[in-house]
Amino acid sequence: PLILTKTIEALKITNGHLTEGIFRVPGEIEDVTKLKMKVANGDYDILDVADPHAHASLLKLWLRELEEPLFPKELYEECIQCGKNKDPNLCRTIINKLPIINQKVITYLLE
């Protein structure tokens, strides 16, 4: 999805990937609202907001508002076990059970 690639690109350009607490500290509500409105109107030129926290907040908002979560509810317990056991093979198995688009989004996020 374009919003995914554009927010990740904006995070890289604004050094968000080097910013401590990038997904913990929220962006200014005015900036996040501005970005959300631009994207809703089909305008993905979001670099006029320089705060990487706003871009991270927009990405988190998009993920929260997905109609279906990246990891469906039926895989919740397996995901918890994967986190507890830190077993990469179990994690791969779970990801392979997901629809292709979910796999691609997760792969993109992790790269």
Protein backbone atom coordinates (compact mmCIF):
# COMPACT_ATOMS: atom_id res chain seq x y z
CA PRO A 1 0.00 0.00 0.00
CA LEU A 2 1.21 3.48 -0.89
CA ILE A 3 0.67 4.83 2.62
CA LEU A 4 3.06 2.19 3.95
CA THR A 5 5.85 3.00 1.52
CA LYS A 6 5.40 6.76 1.87
CA THR A 7 5.42 6.77 5.67
CA ILE A 8 8.48 4.52 5.80
CA GLU A 9 10.20 6.73 3.23
CA ALA A 10 9.33 9.83 5.29
CA LEU A 11 10.66 8.15 8.44
CA LYS A 12 13.97 7.46 6.71
CA ILE A 13 14.27 10.97 5.25
CA THR A 14 13.50 12.61 8.61
CA ASN A 15 15.90 10.21 10.41
CA GLY A 16 13.02 8.61 12.26
CA HIS A 17 14.76 5.25 12.06
CA LEU A 18 17.53 6.80 14.20
CA THR A 19 15.17 8.51 16.66
CA GLU A 20 14.89 6.90 20.08
CA GLY A 21 11.30 6.07 21.00
CA ILE A 22 10.05 6.74 17.47
CA PHE A 23 6.96 4.55 17.93
CA ARG A 24 6.54 5.32 21.62
CA VAL A 25 6.44 9.13 21.51
CA PRO A 26 3.38 10.39 19.62
CA GLY A 27 3.51 13.09 16.98
CA GLU A 28 1.74 16.42 17.48
CA ILE A 29 -1.98 15.84 16.94
CA GLU A 30 -2.18 18.76 14.49
CA ASP A 31 0.60 17.29 12.34
CA VAL A 32 -0.87 13.78 12.40
CA THR A 33 -4.33 15.12 11.53
CA LYS A 34 -2.85 17.16 8.67
CA LEU A 35 -1.05 14.10 7.29
CA LYS A 36 -4.14 11.92 7.66
CA MET A 37 -6.28 14.44 5.78
CA LYS A 38 -3.72 14.75 2.98
CA VAL A 39 -3.59 10.99 2.52
CA ALA A 40 -7.40 10.72 2.69
CA ASN A 41 -7.52 13.21 -0.20
CA GLY A 42 -5.02 11.18 -2.23
CA ASP A 43 -2.05 13.46 -1.56
CA TYR A 44 0.89 11.33 -0.46
CA ASP A 45 3.41 14.18 -0.46
CA ILE A 46 3.79 14.10 3.31
CA LEU A 47 7.29 15.50 3.67
CA ASP A 48 6.00 19.00 4.44
CA VAL A 49 5.79 17.75 8.04
CA ALA A 50 9.34 17.36 9.31
CA ASP A 51 8.58 15.61 12.60
CA PRO A 52 9.36 11.89 12.31
CA HIS A 53 7.03 11.20 15.25
CA ALA A 54 4.10 12.45 13.15
CA HIS A 55 5.01 10.02 10.37
CA ALA A 56 5.35 7.16 12.87
CA SER A 57 1.98 8.09 14.37
CA LEU A 58 0.38 8.08 10.92
CA LEU A 59 1.82 4.61 10.24
CA LYS A 60 0.55 3.32 13.61
CA LEU A 61 -2.86 4.86 12.92
CA TRP A 62 -3.05 3.16 9.53
CA LEU A 63 -2.14 -0.19 11.08
CA ARG A 64 -4.76 0.25 13.83
CA GLU A 65 -7.46 1.18 11.34
CA LEU A 66 -6.94 -1.79 9.02
CA GLU A 67 -10.20 -3.61 8.45
CA GLU A 68 -8.43 -6.88 9.25
CA PRO A 69 -5.31 -6.87 11.45
CA LEU A 70 -2.00 -8.00 9.96
CA PHE A 71 -2.10 -10.97 12.32
CA PRO A 72 -5.65 -12.38 12.44
CA LYS A 73 -7.24 -13.20 15.78
CA GLU A 74 -7.05 -16.94 15.07
CA LEU A 75 -3.24 -16.69 15.08
CA TYR A 76 -3.05 -14.62 18.27
CA GLU A 77 -2.04 -17.46 20.62
CA GLU A 78 0.61 -18.69 18.18
CA CYS A 79 2.03 -15.16 17.95
CA ILE A 80 2.21 -14.94 21.74
CA GLN A 81 4.05 -18.27 21.87
CA CYS A 82 6.43 -17.07 19.16
CA GLY A 83 7.23 -14.01 21.25
CA LYS A 84 7.72 -16.01 24.43
CA ASN A 85 9.82 -18.76 22.85
CA LYS A 86 11.73 -16.50 20.47
CA ASP A 87 11.66 -19.36 17.99
CA PRO A 88 12.34 -18.04 14.47
CA ASN A 89 10.96 -21.22 12.88
CA LEU A 90 7.64 -20.78 14.67
CA CYS A 91 7.56 -17.13 13.57
CA ARG A 92 8.18 -18.13 9.95
CA THR A 93 5.43 -20.74 10.17
CA ILE A 94 2.97 -18.14 11.45
CA ILE A 95 3.91 -15.62 8.78
CA ASN A 96 3.54 -18.29 6.08
CA LYS A 97 -0.06 -18.86 7.23
CA LEU A 98 -0.94 -15.23 6.49
CA PRO A 99 -2.42 -13.92 3.26
CA ILE A 100 0.28 -12.86 0.78
CA ILE A 101 -0.44 -9.13 1.19
CA ASN A 102 0.00 -9.41 4.97
CA GLN A 103 3.28 -11.27 4.46
CA LYS A 104 4.52 -8.52 2.15
CA VAL A 105 3.53 -5.74 4.56
CA ILE A 106 5.26 -7.45 7.48
CA THR A 107 8.36 -8.13 5.42
CA TYR A 108 8.45 -4.49 4.30
CA LEU A 109 8.07 -3.27 7.88
CA LEU A 110 10.86 -5.51 9.12
CA GLU A 111 13.31 -4.52 6.40
